[in-house]
Amino acid sequence: MSAADVMNLAKQLPDREVLNLARMLDEWTASMVDQKFASAIQSGAFDKLAAEALQELETGKTIPLDEVLHDPRLS
């Protein structure tokens, strides 16, 4: 069954069921993204980036977040 087939079936549902289906799909896709992100963390995909961030913090090369948020050039 294709996504187009599922969409055609979904169009036959009452509005309440369409909203319920959308909620379930949102939860399912969020879970898939969470699992992929967790796997990337466990595999070390972010280790180099994290080390660089910690080095920048330790050497004073960071800016407090509130300064960034209140920078008129970024508005």
PDB file of N, CA and C in Angstrom:
ATOM      1  N   MET A   1       0.853  -1.175   0.000  1.00  0.00           N
ATOM      2  CA  MET A   1       0.000   0.000   0.000  1.00  0.00           C
ATOM      3  C   MET A   1       0.899   1.239   0.000  1.00  0.00           C
ATOM      4  N   SER A   2       0.548   2.207  -0.789  1.00  0.00           N
ATOM      5  CA  SER A   2       1.348   3.429  -0.876  1.00  0.00           C
ATOM      6  C   SER A   2       0.774   4.514   0.027  1.00  0.00           C
ATOM      7  N   ALA A   3       1.546   5.567   0.204  1.00  0.00           N
ATOM      8  CA  ALA A   3       1.074   6.712   0.980  1.00  0.00           C
ATOM      9  C   ALA A   3      -0.151   7.333   0.317  1.00  0.00           C
ATOM     10  N   ALA A   4      -0.171   7.351  -1.022  1.00  0.00           N
ATOM     11  CA  ALA A   4      -1.334   7.890  -1.741  1.00  0.00           C
ATOM     12  C   ALA A   4      -2.569   7.048  -1.451  1.00  0.00           C
ATOM     13  N   ASP A   5      -2.403   5.740  -1.366  1.00  0.00           N
ATOM     14  CA  ASP A   5      -3.533   4.855  -1.038  1.00  0.00           C
ATOM     15  C   ASP A   5      -4.057   5.162   0.364  1.00  0.00           C
ATOM     16  N   VAL A   6      -3.146   5.337   1.306  1.00  0.00           N
ATOM     17  CA  VAL A   6      -3.533   5.650   2.684  1.00  0.00           C
ATOM     18  C   VAL A   6      -4.254   6.991   2.717  1.00  0.00           C
ATOM     19  N   MET A   7      -3.748   7.967   1.968  1.00  0.00           N
ATOM     20  CA  MET A   7      -4.374   9.289   1.924  1.00  0.00           C
ATOM     21  C   MET A   7      -5.796   9.189   1.385  1.00  0.00           C
ATOM     22  N   ASN A   8      -5.983   8.411   0.346  1.00  0.00           N
ATOM     23  CA  ASN A   8      -7.333   8.237  -0.208  1.00  0.00           C
ATOM     24  C   ASN A   8      -8.271   7.607   0.811  1.00  0.00           C
ATOM     25  N   LEU A   9      -7.765   6.660   1.584  1.00  0.00           N
ATOM     26  CA  LEU A   9      -8.587   6.067   2.644  1.00  0.00           C
ATOM     27  C   LEU A   9      -8.877   7.082   3.745  1.00  0.00           C
ATOM     28  N   ALA A  10      -7.867   7.865   4.106  1.00  0.00           N
ATOM     29  CA  ALA A  10      -8.039   8.861   5.164  1.00  0.00           C
ATOM     30  C   ALA A  10      -9.093   9.894   4.783  1.00  0.00           C
ATOM     31  N   LYS A  11      -9.206  10.206   3.512  1.00  0.00           N
ATOM     32  CA  LYS A  11     -10.202  11.179   3.056  1.00  0.00           C
ATOM     33  C   LYS A  11     -11.627  10.690   3.291  1.00  0.00           C
ATOM     34  N   GLN A  12     -11.785   9.414   3.511  1.00  0.00           N
ATOM     35  CA  GLN A  12     -13.114   8.846   3.763  1.00  0.00           C
ATOM     36  C   GLN A  12     -13.487   8.859   5.237  1.00  0.00           C
ATOM     37  N   LEU A  13     -12.536   9.203   6.089  1.00  0.00           N
ATOM     38  CA  LEU A  13     -12.789   9.192   7.527  1.00  0.00           C
ATOM     39  C   LEU A  13     -13.558  10.436   7.971  1.00  0.00           C
ATOM     40  N   PRO A  14     -14.300  10.317   9.067  1.00  0.00           N
ATOM     41  CA  PRO A  14     -14.918  11.504   9.664  1.00  0.00           C
ATOM     42  C   PRO A  14     -13.816  12.440  10.200  1.00  0.00           C
ATOM     43  N   ASP A  15     -14.118  13.720  10.301  1.00  0.00           N
ATOM     44  CA  ASP A  15     -13.134  14.708  10.734  1.00  0.00           C
ATOM     45  C   ASP A  15     -12.441  14.311  12.040  1.00  0.00           C
ATOM     46  N   ARG A  16     -13.219  13.828  12.998  1.00  0.00           N
ATOM     47  CA  ARG A  16     -12.653  13.449  14.299  1.00  0.00           C
ATOM     48  C   ARG A  16     -11.589  12.373  14.144  1.00  0.00           C
ATOM     49  N   GLU A  17     -11.829  11.415  13.274  1.00  0.00           N
ATOM     50  CA  GLU A  17     -10.873  10.331  13.054  1.00  0.00           C
ATOM     51  C   GLU A  17      -9.648  10.818  12.288  1.00  0.00           C
ATOM     52  N   VAL A  18      -9.832  11.762  11.381  1.00  0.00           N
ATOM     53  CA  VAL A  18      -8.687  12.331  10.666  1.00  0.00           C
ATOM     54  C   VAL A  18      -7.762  13.034  11.661  1.00  0.00           C
ATOM     55  N   LEU A  19      -8.343  13.791  12.573  1.00  0.00           N
ATOM     56  CA  LEU A  19      -7.533  14.474  13.586  1.00  0.00           C
ATOM     57  C   LEU A  19      -6.823  13.473  14.488  1.00  0.00           C
ATOM     58  N   ASN A  20      -7.505  12.385  14.840  1.00  0.00           N
ATOM     59  CA  ASN A  20      -6.892  11.339  15.657  1.00  0.00           C
ATOM     60  C   ASN A  20      -5.737  10.677  14.895  1.00  0.00           C
ATOM     61  N   LEU A  21      -5.940  10.408  13.611  1.00  0.00           N
ATOM     62  CA  LEU A  21      -4.887   9.824  12.780  1.00  0.00           C
ATOM     63  C   LEU A  21      -3.684  10.761  12.695  1.00  0.00           C
ATOM     64  N   ALA A  22      -3.937  12.047  12.509  1.00  0.00           N
ATOM     65  CA  ALA A  22      -2.847  13.030  12.433  1.00  0.00           C
ATOM     66  C   ALA A  22      -2.048  13.042  13.731  1.00  0.00           C
ATOM     67  N   ARG A  23      -2.745  12.985  14.870  1.00  0.00           N
ATOM     68  CA  ARG A  23      -2.056  12.954  16.171  1.00  0.00           C
ATOM     69  C   ARG A  23      -1.186  11.712  16.289  1.00  0.00           C
ATOM     70  N   MET A  24      -1.734  10.573  15.888  1.00  0.00           N
ATOM     71  CA  MET A  24      -0.975   9.322  15.974  1.00  0.00           C
ATOM     72  C   MET A  24       0.249   9.358  15.058  1.00  0.00           C
ATOM     73  N   LEU A  25       0.097   9.909  13.858  1.00  0.00           N
ATOM     74  CA  LEU A  25       1.238  10.019  12.943  1.00  0.00           C
ATOM     75  C   LEU A  25       2.297  10.959  13.486  1.00  0.00           C
ATOM     76  N   ASP A  26       1.862  12.070  14.080  1.00  0.00           N
ATOM     77  CA  ASP A  26       2.815  13.001  14.692  1.00  0.00           C
ATOM     78  C   ASP A  26       3.618  12.317  15.792  1.00  0.00           C
ATOM     79  N   GLU A  27       2.934  11.571  16.650  1.00  0.00           N
ATOM     80  CA  GLU A  27       3.609  10.869  17.740  1.00  0.00           C
ATOM     81  C   GLU A  27       4.573   9.822  17.197  1.00  0.00           C
ATOM     82  N   TRP A  28       4.159   9.109  16.167  1.00  0.00           N
ATOM     83  CA  TRP A  28       4.989   8.057  15.577  1.00  0.00           C
ATOM     84  C   TRP A  28       6.233   8.653  14.929  1.00  0.00           C
ATOM     85  N   THR A  29       6.055   9.710  14.143  1.00  0.00           N
ATOM     86  CA  THR A  29       7.223  10.311  13.479  1.00  0.00           C
ATOM     87  C   THR A  29       8.148  10.964  14.495  1.00  0.00           C
ATOM     88  N   ALA A  30       7.594  11.567  15.541  1.00  0.00           N
ATOM     89  CA  ALA A  30       8.441  12.144  16.596  1.00  0.00           C
ATOM     90  C   ALA A  30       9.274  11.053  17.261  1.00  0.00           C
ATOM     91  N   SER A  31       8.670   9.901  17.489  1.00  0.00           N
ATOM     92  CA  SER A  31       9.389   8.775  18.087  1.00  0.00           C
ATOM     93  C   SER A  31      10.500   8.289  17.161  1.00  0.00           C
ATOM     94  N   MET A  32      10.232   8.266  15.863  1.00  0.00           N
ATOM     95  CA  MET A  32      11.256   7.844  14.905  1.00  0.00           C
ATOM     96  C   MET A  32      12.446   8.808  14.927  1.00  0.00           C
ATOM     97  N   VAL A  33      12.159  10.103  14.963  1.00  0.00           N
ATOM     98  CA  VAL A  33      13.224  11.106  15.009  1.00  0.00           C
ATOM     99  C   VAL A  33      14.010  10.977  16.304  1.00  0.00           C
ATOM    100  N   ASP A  34      13.301  10.803  17.421  1.00  0.00           N
ATOM    101  CA  ASP A  34      13.972  10.629  18.715  1.00  0.00           C
ATOM    102  C   ASP A  34      14.911   9.432  18.693  1.00  0.00           C
ATOM    103  N   GLN A  35      14.456   8.316  18.128  1.00  0.00           N
ATOM    104  CA  GLN A  35      15.276   7.108  18.071  1.00  0.00           C
ATOM    105  C   GLN A  35      16.503   7.318  17.187  1.00  0.00           C
ATOM    106  N   LYS A  36      16.314   8.002  16.064  1.00  0.00           N
ATOM    107  CA  LYS A  36      17.437   8.262  15.162  1.00  0.00           C
ATOM    108  C   LYS A  36      18.465   9.175  15.844  1.00  0.00           C
ATOM    109  N   PHE A  37      17.981  10.196  16.548  1.00  0.00           N
ATOM    110  CA  PHE A  37      18.859  11.109  17.263  1.00  0.00           C
ATOM    111  C   PHE A  37      19.614  10.375  18.370  1.00  0.00           C
ATOM    112  N   ALA A  38      18.915   9.542  19.126  1.00  0.00           N
ATOM    113  CA  ALA A  38      19.554   8.772  20.195  1.00  0.00           C
ATOM    114  C   ALA A  38      20.621   7.842  19.627  1.00  0.00           C
ATOM    115  N   SER A  39      20.347   7.219  18.507  1.00  0.00           N
ATOM    116  CA  SER A  39      21.330   6.339  17.866  1.00  0.00           C
ATOM    117  C   SER A  39      22.559   7.119  17.425  1.00  0.00           C
ATOM    118  N   ALA A  40      22.337   8.324  16.884  1.00  0.00           N
ATOM    119  CA  ALA A  40      23.461   9.164  16.460  1.00  0.00           C
ATOM    120  C   ALA A  40      24.324   9.552  17.655  1.00  0.00           C
ATOM    121  N   ILE A  41      23.694   9.863  18.766  1.00  0.00           N
ATOM    122  CA  ILE A  41      24.443  10.212  19.982  1.00  0.00           C
ATOM    123  C   ILE A  41      25.254   9.003  20.446  1.00  0.00           C
ATOM    124  N   GLN A  42      24.614   7.839  20.507  1.00  0.00           N
ATOM    125  CA  GLN A  42      25.292   6.638  20.981  1.00  0.00           C
ATOM    126  C   GLN A  42      26.434   6.217  20.068  1.00  0.00           C
ATOM    127  N   SER A  43      26.320   6.514  18.779  1.00  0.00           N
ATOM    128  CA  SER A  43      27.375   6.132  17.837  1.00  0.00           C
ATOM    129  C   SER A  43      28.549   7.108  17.855  1.00  0.00           C
ATOM    130  N   GLY A  44      28.389   8.219  18.588  1.00  0.00           N
ATOM    131  CA  GLY A  44      29.475   9.190  18.675  1.00  0.00           C
ATOM    132  C   GLY A  44      29.450  10.249  17.590  1.00  0.00           C
ATOM    133  N   ALA A  45      28.345  10.351  16.867  1.00  0.00           N
ATOM    134  CA  ALA A  45      28.262  11.294  15.755  1.00  0.00           C
ATOM    135  C   ALA A  45      28.449  12.742  16.197  1.00  0.00           C
ATOM    136  N   PHE A  46      28.172  13.044  17.469  1.00  0.00           N
ATOM    137  CA  PHE A  46      28.279  14.420  17.949  1.00  0.00           C
ATOM    138  C   PHE A  46      29.485  14.645  18.861  1.00  0.00           C
ATOM    139  N   ASP A  47      30.309  13.628  19.036  1.00  0.00           N
ATOM    140  CA  ASP A  47      31.430  13.743  19.965  1.00  0.00           C
ATOM    141  C   ASP A  47      32.387  14.874  19.592  1.00  0.00           C
ATOM    142  N   LYS A  48      32.756  14.965  18.326  1.00  0.00           N
ATOM    143  CA  LYS A  48      33.689  16.001  17.893  1.00  0.00           C
ATOM    144  C   LYS A  48      33.082  17.391  18.092  1.00  0.00           C
ATOM    145  N   LEU A  49      31.829  17.540  17.719  1.00  0.00           N
ATOM    146  CA  LEU A  49      31.141  18.819  17.883  1.00  0.00           C
ATOM    147  C   LEU A  49      31.056  19.207  19.360  1.00  0.00           C
ATOM    148  N   ALA A  50      30.752  18.258  20.215  1.00  0.00           N
ATOM    149  CA  ALA A  50      30.665  18.527  21.651  1.00  0.00           C
ATOM    150  C   ALA A  50      32.027  18.923  22.205  1.00  0.00           C
ATOM    151  N   ALA A  51      33.076  18.254  21.773  1.00  0.00           N
ATOM    152  CA  ALA A  51      34.430  18.597  22.239  1.00  0.00           C
ATOM    153  C   ALA A  51      34.810  20.013  21.805  1.00  0.00           C
ATOM    154  N   GLU A  52      34.466  20.364  20.581  1.00  0.00           N
ATOM    155  CA  GLU A  52      34.752  21.722  20.096  1.00  0.00           C
ATOM    156  C   GLU A  52      33.978  22.761  20.897  1.00  0.00           C
ATOM    157  N   ALA A  53      32.726  22.476  21.206  1.00  0.00           N
ATOM    158  CA  ALA A  53      31.908  23.401  21.987  1.00  0.00           C
ATOM    159  C   ALA A  53      32.483  23.581  23.391  1.00  0.00           C
ATOM    160  N   LEU A  54      32.904  22.494  24.011  1.00  0.00           N
ATOM    161  CA  LEU A  54      33.498  22.594  25.349  1.00  0.00           C
ATOM    162  C   LEU A  54      34.809  23.369  25.313  1.00  0.00           C
ATOM    163  N   GLN A  55      35.595  23.170  24.276  1.00  0.00           N
ATOM    164  CA  GLN A  55      36.850  23.910  24.145  1.00  0.00           C
ATOM    165  C   GLN A  55      36.573  25.410  23.983  1.00  0.00           C
ATOM    166  N   GLU A  56      35.580  25.764  23.179  1.00  0.00           N
ATOM    167  CA  GLU A  56      35.223  27.171  23.017  1.00  0.00           C
ATOM    168  C   GLU A  56      34.747  27.769  24.335  1.00  0.00           C
ATOM    169  N   LEU A  57      33.988  27.003  25.095  1.00  0.00           N
ATOM    170  CA  LEU A  57      33.518  27.473  26.400  1.00  0.00           C
ATOM    171  C   LEU A  57      34.694  27.697  27.337  1.00  0.00           C
ATOM    172  N   GLU A  58      35.602  26.736  27.394  1.00  0.00           N
ATOM    173  CA  GLU A  58      36.752  26.829  28.296  1.00  0.00           C
ATOM    174  C   GLU A  58      37.703  27.960  27.924  1.00  0.00           C
ATOM    175  N   THR A  59      37.792  28.294  26.648  1.00  0.00           N
ATOM    176  CA  THR A  59      38.706  29.357  26.214  1.00  0.00           C
ATOM    177  C   THR A  59      38.021  30.717  26.124  1.00  0.00           C
ATOM    178  N   GLY A  60      36.761  30.785  26.569  1.00  0.00           N
ATOM    179  CA  GLY A  60      36.056  32.066  26.604  1.00  0.00           C
ATOM    180  C   GLY A  60      35.598  32.568  25.247  1.00  0.00           C
ATOM    181  N   LYS A  61      35.418  31.694  24.304  1.00  0.00           N
ATOM    182  CA  LYS A  61      35.000  32.101  22.958  1.00  0.00           C
ATOM    183  C   LYS A  61      33.484  32.029  22.773  1.00  0.00           C
ATOM    184  N   THR A  62      32.742  31.988  23.866  1.00  0.00           N
ATOM    185  CA  THR A  62      31.281  31.912  23.761  1.00  0.00           C
ATOM    186  C   THR A  62      30.663  33.232  24.206  1.00  0.00           C
ATOM    187  N   ILE A  63      29.402  33.415  23.872  1.00  0.00           N
ATOM    188  CA  ILE A  63      28.651  34.612  24.247  1.00  0.00           C
ATOM    189  C   ILE A  63      27.433  34.146  25.046  1.00  0.00           C
ATOM    190  N   PRO A  64      27.099  34.829  26.124  1.00  0.00           N
ATOM    191  CA  PRO A  64      25.891  34.454  26.863  1.00  0.00           C
ATOM    192  C   PRO A  64      24.654  34.512  25.951  1.00  0.00           C
ATOM    193  N   LEU A  65      23.767  33.576  26.119  1.00  0.00           N
ATOM    194  CA  LEU A  65      22.591  33.470  25.259  1.00  0.00           C
ATOM    195  C   LEU A  65      21.750  34.740  25.275  1.00  0.00           C
ATOM    196  N   ASP A  66      21.600  35.372  26.447  1.00  0.00           N
ATOM    197  CA  ASP A  66      20.766  36.569  26.497  1.00  0.00           C
ATOM    198  C   ASP A  66      21.347  37.699  25.645  1.00  0.00           C
ATOM    199  N   GLU A  67      22.664  37.747  25.505  1.00  0.00           N
ATOM    200  CA  GLU A  67      23.266  38.750  24.628  1.00  0.00           C
ATOM    201  C   GLU A  67      22.932  38.467  23.168  1.00  0.00           C
ATOM    202  N   VAL A  68      22.916  37.231  22.798  1.00  0.00           N
ATOM    203  CA  VAL A  68      22.569  36.860  21.425  1.00  0.00           C
ATOM    204  C   VAL A  68      21.100  37.177  21.161  1.00  0.00           C
ATOM    205  N   LEU A  69      20.241  36.818  22.103  1.00  0.00           N
ATOM    206  CA  LEU A  69      18.812  37.032  21.921  1.00  0.00           C
ATOM    207  C   LEU A  69      18.435  38.494  21.848  1.00  0.00           C
ATOM    208  N   HIS A  70      19.199  39.360  22.508  1.00  0.00           N
ATOM    209  CA  HIS A  70      18.896  40.790  22.514  1.00  0.00           C
ATOM    210  C   HIS A  70      19.703  41.586  21.512  1.00  0.00           C
ATOM    211  N   ASP A  71      20.424  40.910  20.640  1.00  0.00           N
ATOM    212  CA  ASP A  71      21.213  41.573  19.619  1.00  0.00           C
ATOM    213  C   ASP A  71      20.276  42.102  18.530  1.00  0.00           C
ATOM    214  N   PRO A  72      20.176  43.434  18.354  1.00  0.00           N
ATOM    215  CA  PRO A  72      19.235  43.978  17.360  1.00  0.00           C
ATOM    216  C   PRO A  72      19.590  43.573  15.933  1.00  0.00           C
ATOM    217  N   ARG A  73      20.805  43.181  15.686  1.00  0.00           N
ATOM    218  CA  ARG A  73      21.185  42.755  14.332  1.00  0.00           C
ATOM    219  C   ARG A  73      20.553  41.422  13.962  1.00  0.00           C
ATOM    220  N   LEU A  74      20.112  40.676  14.962  1.00  0.00           N
ATOM    221  CA  LEU A  74      19.537  39.352  14.718  1.00  0.00           C
ATOM    222  C   LEU A  74      18.010  39.370  14.714  1.00  0.00           C
ATOM    223  N   SER A  75      17.420  40.514  14.934  1.00  0.00           N
ATOM    224  CA  SER A  75      15.945  40.607  14.992  1.00  0.00           C
ATOM    225  C   SER A  75      15.359  40.643  13.606  1.00  0.00           C
TER     226      SER A  75
END
